[in-house]
C-alpha atoms as a PDB file:
ATOM      1  CA  GLY A   1     107.837  69.163 111.750  1.00  0.00           C
ATOM      2  CA  ALA A   2     105.395  68.953 108.851  1.00  0.00           C
ATOM      3  CA  GLY A   3     104.722  72.700 108.940  1.00  0.00           C
ATOM      4  CA  GLU A   4     108.385  73.551 108.448  1.00  0.00           C
ATOM      5  CA  SER A   5     108.843  71.458 105.308  1.00  0.00           C
ATOM      6  CA  ALA A   6     105.655  72.906 103.789  1.00  0.00           C
ATOM      7  CA  PHE A   7     106.948  76.421 104.439  1.00  0.00           C
ATOM      8  CA  GLN A   8     110.322  75.634 102.840  1.00  0.00           C
ATOM      9  CA  GLY A   9     108.480  74.357  99.771  1.00  0.00           C
ATOM     10  CA  GLU A  10     106.503  77.594  99.542  1.00  0.00           C
ATOM     11  CA  LYS A  11     109.689  79.633  99.856  1.00  0.00           C
ATOM     12  CA  LYS A  12     111.279  77.794  96.942  1.00  0.00           C
ATOM     13  CA  ILE A  13     108.264  78.589  94.743  1.00  0.00           C
ATOM     14  CA  ILE A  14     108.527  82.287  95.558  1.00  0.00           C
ATOM     15  CA  ASP A  15     112.252  82.528  94.883  1.00  0.00           C
ATOM     16  CA  ALA A  16     111.738  80.989  91.459  1.00  0.00           C
ATOM     17  CA  GLU A  17     108.551  82.863  90.686  1.00  0.00           C
ATOM     18  CA  THR A  18     109.537  86.382  91.634  1.00  0.00           C
ATOM     19  CA  MET A  19     112.388  86.058  89.142  1.00  0.00           C
ATOM     20  CA  VAL A  20     110.053  85.126  86.287  1.00  0.00           C
ATOM     21  CA  SER A  21     110.249  88.499  84.515  1.00  0.00           C
ATOM     22  CA  LYS A  22     113.784  87.971  83.206  1.00  0.00           C
ATOM     23  CA  GLY A  23     113.476  90.933  80.822  1.00  0.00           C
ATOM     24  CA  GLY A  24     114.991  93.472  83.209  1.00  0.00           C
ATOM     25  CA  GLY A  25     117.267  91.132  85.129  1.00  0.00           C
ATOM     26  CA  GLY A  26     116.203  92.629  88.450  1.00  0.00           C
ATOM     27  CA  MET A  27     117.178  96.229  87.729  1.00  0.00           C
ATOM     28  CA  MET A  28     116.357  98.440  90.699  1.00  0.00           C
ATOM     29  CA  VAL A  29     113.599 101.026  90.247  1.00  0.00           C
ATOM     30  CA  GLY A  30     113.494 103.305  93.258  1.00  0.00           C
ATOM     31  CA  ASP A  31     113.694 101.083  96.344  1.00  0.00           C
ATOM     32  CA  TYR A  32     112.084  98.014  94.816  1.00  0.00           C
ATOM     33  CA  THR A  33     112.836  95.580  92.003  1.00  0.00           C
ATOM     34  CA  GLU A  34     110.973  95.152  88.734  1.00  0.00           C
ATOM     35  CA  GLU A  35     109.799  91.748  89.990  1.00  0.00           C
ATOM     36  CA  GLU A  36     108.175  93.360  93.032  1.00  0.00           C
ATOM     37  CA  ASP A  37     106.635  96.032  90.818  1.00  0.00           C
ATOM     38  CA  ARG A  38     105.207  93.326  88.538  1.00  0.00           C
ATOM     39  CA  LEU A  39     103.824  91.426  91.530  1.00  0.00           C
ATOM     40  CA  ARG A  40     102.157  94.596  92.843  1.00  0.00           C
ATOM     41  CA  ARG A  41     100.546  95.213  89.461  1.00  0.00           C
ATOM     42  CA  ILE A  42      99.218  91.636  89.448  1.00  0.00           C
ATOM     43  CA  ALA A  43      97.910  92.216  92.993  1.00  0.00           C
ATOM     44  CA  VAL A  44      95.868  95.198  91.766  1.00  0.00           C
ATOM     45  CA  ILE A  45      94.553  93.254  88.761  1.00  0.00           C
ATOM     46  CA  LEU A  46      93.542  90.274  90.923  1.00  0.00           C
ATOM     47  CA  THR A  47      91.997  92.482  93.622  1.00  0.00           C
ATOM     48  CA  ASN A  48      89.858  94.299  91.063  1.00  0.00           C
ATOM     49  CA  GLY A  49      88.872  91.225  89.073  1.00  0.00           C
ATOM     50  CA  VAL A  50      88.603  87.997  91.061  1.00  0.00           C
ATOM     51  CA  ARG A  51      85.082  86.936  92.058  1.00  0.00           C
ATOM     52  CA  VAL A  52      84.632  87.528  95.795  1.00  0.00           C
ATOM     53  CA  VAL A  53      81.793  86.962  98.261  1.00  0.00           C
ATOM     54  CA  ALA A  54      81.472  88.868 101.544  1.00  0.00           C
ATOM     55  CA  ASP A  55      80.809  86.723 104.616  1.00  0.00           C
ATOM     56  CA  LYS A  56      78.929  87.734 107.793  1.00  0.00           C
ATOM     57  CA  ARG A  57      82.093  89.385 109.146  1.00  0.00           C
ATOM     58  CA  ASN A  58      82.428  91.403 105.911  1.00  0.00           C
ATOM     59  CA  ARG A  59      85.576  89.534 104.860  1.00  0.00           C
ATOM     60  CA  LEU A  60      86.079  89.223 101.099  1.00  0.00           C
ATOM     61  CA  LEU A  61      86.327  85.515 100.274  1.00  0.00           C
ATOM     62  CA  PHE A  62      87.364  83.763  97.075  1.00  0.00           C
ATOM     63  CA  ARG A  63      88.097  80.206  95.938  1.00  0.00           C
ATOM     64  CA  GLY A  64      91.636  79.248  94.959  1.00  0.00           C
ATOM     65  CA  SER A  65      90.419  77.881  91.621  1.00  0.00           C
ATOM     66  CA  ASP A  66      88.555  81.145  90.841  1.00  0.00           C
ATOM     67  CA  ALA A  67      91.763  83.147  91.290  1.00  0.00           C
ATOM     68  CA  VAL A  68      93.659  80.698  89.065  1.00  0.00           C
ATOM     69  CA  ASP A  69      90.879  80.865  86.426  1.00  0.00           C
ATOM     70  CA  PHE A  70      91.016  84.657  86.503  1.00  0.00           C
ATOM     71  CA  LEU A  71      94.816  84.885  86.195  1.00  0.00           C
ATOM     72  CA  VAL A  72      94.953  82.410  83.290  1.00  0.00           C
ATOM     73  CA  LEU A  73      91.898  83.654  81.357  1.00  0.00           C
ATOM     74  CA  ASN A  74      93.123  87.251  81.516  1.00  0.00           C
ATOM     75  CA  GLY A  75      96.606  86.337  80.281  1.00  0.00           C
ATOM     76  CA  VAL A  76      98.290  87.374  83.543  1.00  0.00           C
ATOM     77  CA  THR A  77      99.922  83.940  83.838  1.00  0.00           C
ATOM     78  CA  ARG A  78     100.998  81.340  81.253  1.00  0.00           C
ATOM     79  CA  ASP A  79      99.044  78.438  82.697  1.00  0.00           C
ATOM     80  CA  ARG A  80      97.423  77.148  85.894  1.00  0.00           C
ATOM     81  CA  ARG A  81     100.705  76.003  87.439  1.00  0.00           C
ATOM     82  CA  HIS A  82     102.261  79.433  86.846  1.00  0.00           C
ATOM     83  CA  ALA A  83      99.117  81.018  88.380  1.00  0.00           C
ATOM     84  CA  VAL A  84      99.589  78.931  91.553  1.00  0.00           C
ATOM     85  CA  ASN A  85     103.219  80.099  91.816  1.00  0.00           C
ATOM     86  CA  VAL A  86     102.189  83.726  91.353  1.00  0.00           C
ATOM     87  CA  GLY A  87      99.363  83.226  93.887  1.00  0.00           C
ATOM     88  CA  ASN A  88     101.823  81.969  96.478  1.00  0.00           C
ATOM     89  CA  ALA A  89     104.080  84.970  95.842  1.00  0.00           C
ATOM     90  CA  LEU A  90     101.099  87.329  96.269  1.00  0.00           C
ATOM     91  CA  MET A  91     100.090  85.538  99.453  1.00  0.00           C
ATOM     92  CA  LEU A  92     103.508  85.263 101.094  1.00  0.00           C
ATOM     93  CA  ASN A  93     105.417  88.284  99.742  1.00  0.00           C
ATOM     94  CA  LEU A  94     102.657  90.908  99.555  1.00  0.00           C
ATOM     95  CA  ARG A  95     100.257  89.280 102.073  1.00  0.00           C
ATOM     96  CA  LEU A  96      97.430  90.148  99.635  1.00  0.00           C
ATOM     97  CA  PHE A  97      95.323  87.275 100.979  1.00  0.00           C
ATOM     98  CA  ASP A  98      95.369  84.498 103.570  1.00  0.00           C
ATOM     99  CA  HIS A  99      93.891  81.032 103.733  1.00  0.00           C
ATOM    100  CA  ILE A 100      90.658  81.353 105.705  1.00  0.00           C
ATOM    101  CA  ASP A 101      92.116  79.540 108.739  1.00  0.00           C
ATOM    102  CA  LEU A 102      95.792  80.222 107.881  1.00  0.00           C
ATOM    103  CA  SER A 103      96.531  76.556 107.260  1.00  0.00           C
ATOM    104  CA  HIS A 104      97.273  76.343 103.517  1.00  0.00           C
ATOM    105  CA  ALA A 105      99.538  77.770 100.886  1.00  0.00           C
ATOM    106  CA  PHE A 106      97.784  78.973  97.724  1.00  0.00           C
ATOM    107  CA  ARG A 107      96.256  76.115  95.729  1.00  0.00           C
ATOM    108  CA  ASP A 108      94.191  75.645  92.572  1.00  0.00           C
ATOM    109  CA  ASP A 109      91.233  74.164  94.461  1.00  0.00           C
ATOM    110  CA  LYS A 110      87.561  75.166  94.478  1.00  0.00           C
ATOM    111  CA  ASN A 111      87.206  73.883  98.052  1.00  0.00           C
ATOM    112  CA  ILE A 112      89.956  76.056  99.522  1.00  0.00           C
ATOM    113  CA  ILE A 113      88.799  79.535 100.516  1.00  0.00           C
ATOM    114  CA  TYR A 114      91.029  82.607 100.898  1.00  0.00           C
ATOM    115  CA  VAL A 115      90.413  86.006 102.512  1.00  0.00           C
ATOM    116  CA  LEU A 116      91.362  88.951 100.296  1.00  0.00           C
ATOM    117  CA  HIS A 117      92.979  92.036 101.891  1.00  0.00           C
ATOM    118  CA  PRO A 118      92.804  94.727  99.164  1.00  0.00           C
ATOM    119  CA  GLU A 119      93.817  97.430 101.668  1.00  0.00           C
ATOM    120  CA  ARG A 120      97.293  95.874 101.914  1.00  0.00           C
ATOM    121  CA  VAL A 121      98.087  96.824  98.323  1.00  0.00           C
ATOM    122  CA  GLN A 122      97.217 100.451  99.086  1.00  0.00           C
ATOM    123  CA  GLN A 123      99.000 100.484 102.458  1.00  0.00           C
ATOM    124  CA  GLN A 124     102.244  99.280 100.930  1.00  0.00           C
ATOM    125  CA  ASN A 125     102.119 101.986  98.298  1.00  0.00           C
ATOM    126  CA  SER A 126     101.255 104.832 100.657  1.00  0.00           C
ATOM    127  CA  ALA A 127     104.214 103.813 102.828  1.00  0.00           C
ATOM    128  CA  GLU A 128     106.587 104.343  99.885  1.00  0.00           C
ATOM    129  CA  SER A 129     107.456 107.310  97.716  1.00  0.00           C
ATOM    130  CA  SER A 130     104.786 108.511  95.302  1.00  0.00           C
ATOM    131  CA  SER A 131     106.810 107.246  92.317  1.00  0.00           C
ATOM    132  CA  ALA A 132     106.341 103.678  93.587  1.00  0.00           C
ATOM    133  CA  ALA A 133     102.547 103.940  93.816  1.00  0.00           C
ATOM    134  CA  ILE A 134     100.338 101.762  91.642  1.00  0.00           C
ATOM    135  CA  PRO A 135      97.493 103.733  90.108  1.00  0.00           C
ATOM    136  CA  ILE A 136      94.486 102.291  91.941  1.00  0.00           C
ATOM    137  CA  VAL A 137      92.105 105.110  91.020  1.00  0.00           C
ATOM    138  CA  PRO A 138      91.520 104.676  87.257  1.00  0.00           C
ATOM    139  CA  ASN A 139      92.296 108.282  86.266  1.00  0.00           C
ATOM    140  CA  GLN A 140      95.407 108.568  88.437  1.00  0.00           C
ATOM    141  CA  ASN A 141      98.505 107.893  86.318  1.00  0.00           C
ATOM    142  CA  HIS A 142     102.073 107.616  87.602  1.00  0.00           C
ATOM    143  CA  GLU A 143     103.488 106.025  84.442  1.00  0.00           C
ATOM    144  CA  PRO A 144     105.253 109.113  82.983  1.00  0.00           C
ATOM    145  CA  ARG A 145     107.083 109.753  86.266  1.00  0.00           C
ATOM    146  CA  ARG A 146     108.138 106.096  86.535  1.00  0.00           C
ATOM    147  CA  ARG A 147     109.452 106.141  82.953  1.00  0.00           C
ATOM    148  CA  GLN A 148     111.454 109.313  83.659  1.00  0.00           C
ATOM    149  CA  GLN A 149     112.942 107.696  86.756  1.00  0.00           C
ATOM    150  CA  GLN A 150     113.958 104.606  84.773  1.00  0.00           C
ATOM    151  CA  GLN A 151     115.532 106.713  82.010  1.00  0.00           C
ATOM    152  CA  GLN A 152     117.540 108.723  84.545  1.00  0.00           C
ATOM    153  CA  GLN A 153     119.002 105.530  85.973  1.00  0.00           C
ATOM    154  CA  GLN A 154     120.066 104.103  82.616  1.00  0.00           C
END
């Protein structure tokens, strides 16, 4: 029905968008690709920077347009359309956030509210090897180890 075609549309966006960082051509780093690594880094940036409001149930809420503003103004994405594609990848691939009643893909709209799940970024990392972890604590730095791993594989 209507739900199926909407989902197929979202899937197409993700396939195109996760391949956006053509620099590395999808070289494997550990058990995940550079595209996934880039998406995880964007997830951390968005989680730490987008304007959120807590509701009565302590959920962290944000407007679609606020996330798009944040991604574009901070140079994370090229433009608003690119930000929507990245937002859909964050929502569907990393499950970083959901539409408040699970009925929409990610959209650049001030009237559409999303629920942020920052713990999902941390859960995914703790489930993997330490070399795949994104530094969430500011003074924790895994960059040298990741660089060594990349050099060993080249």
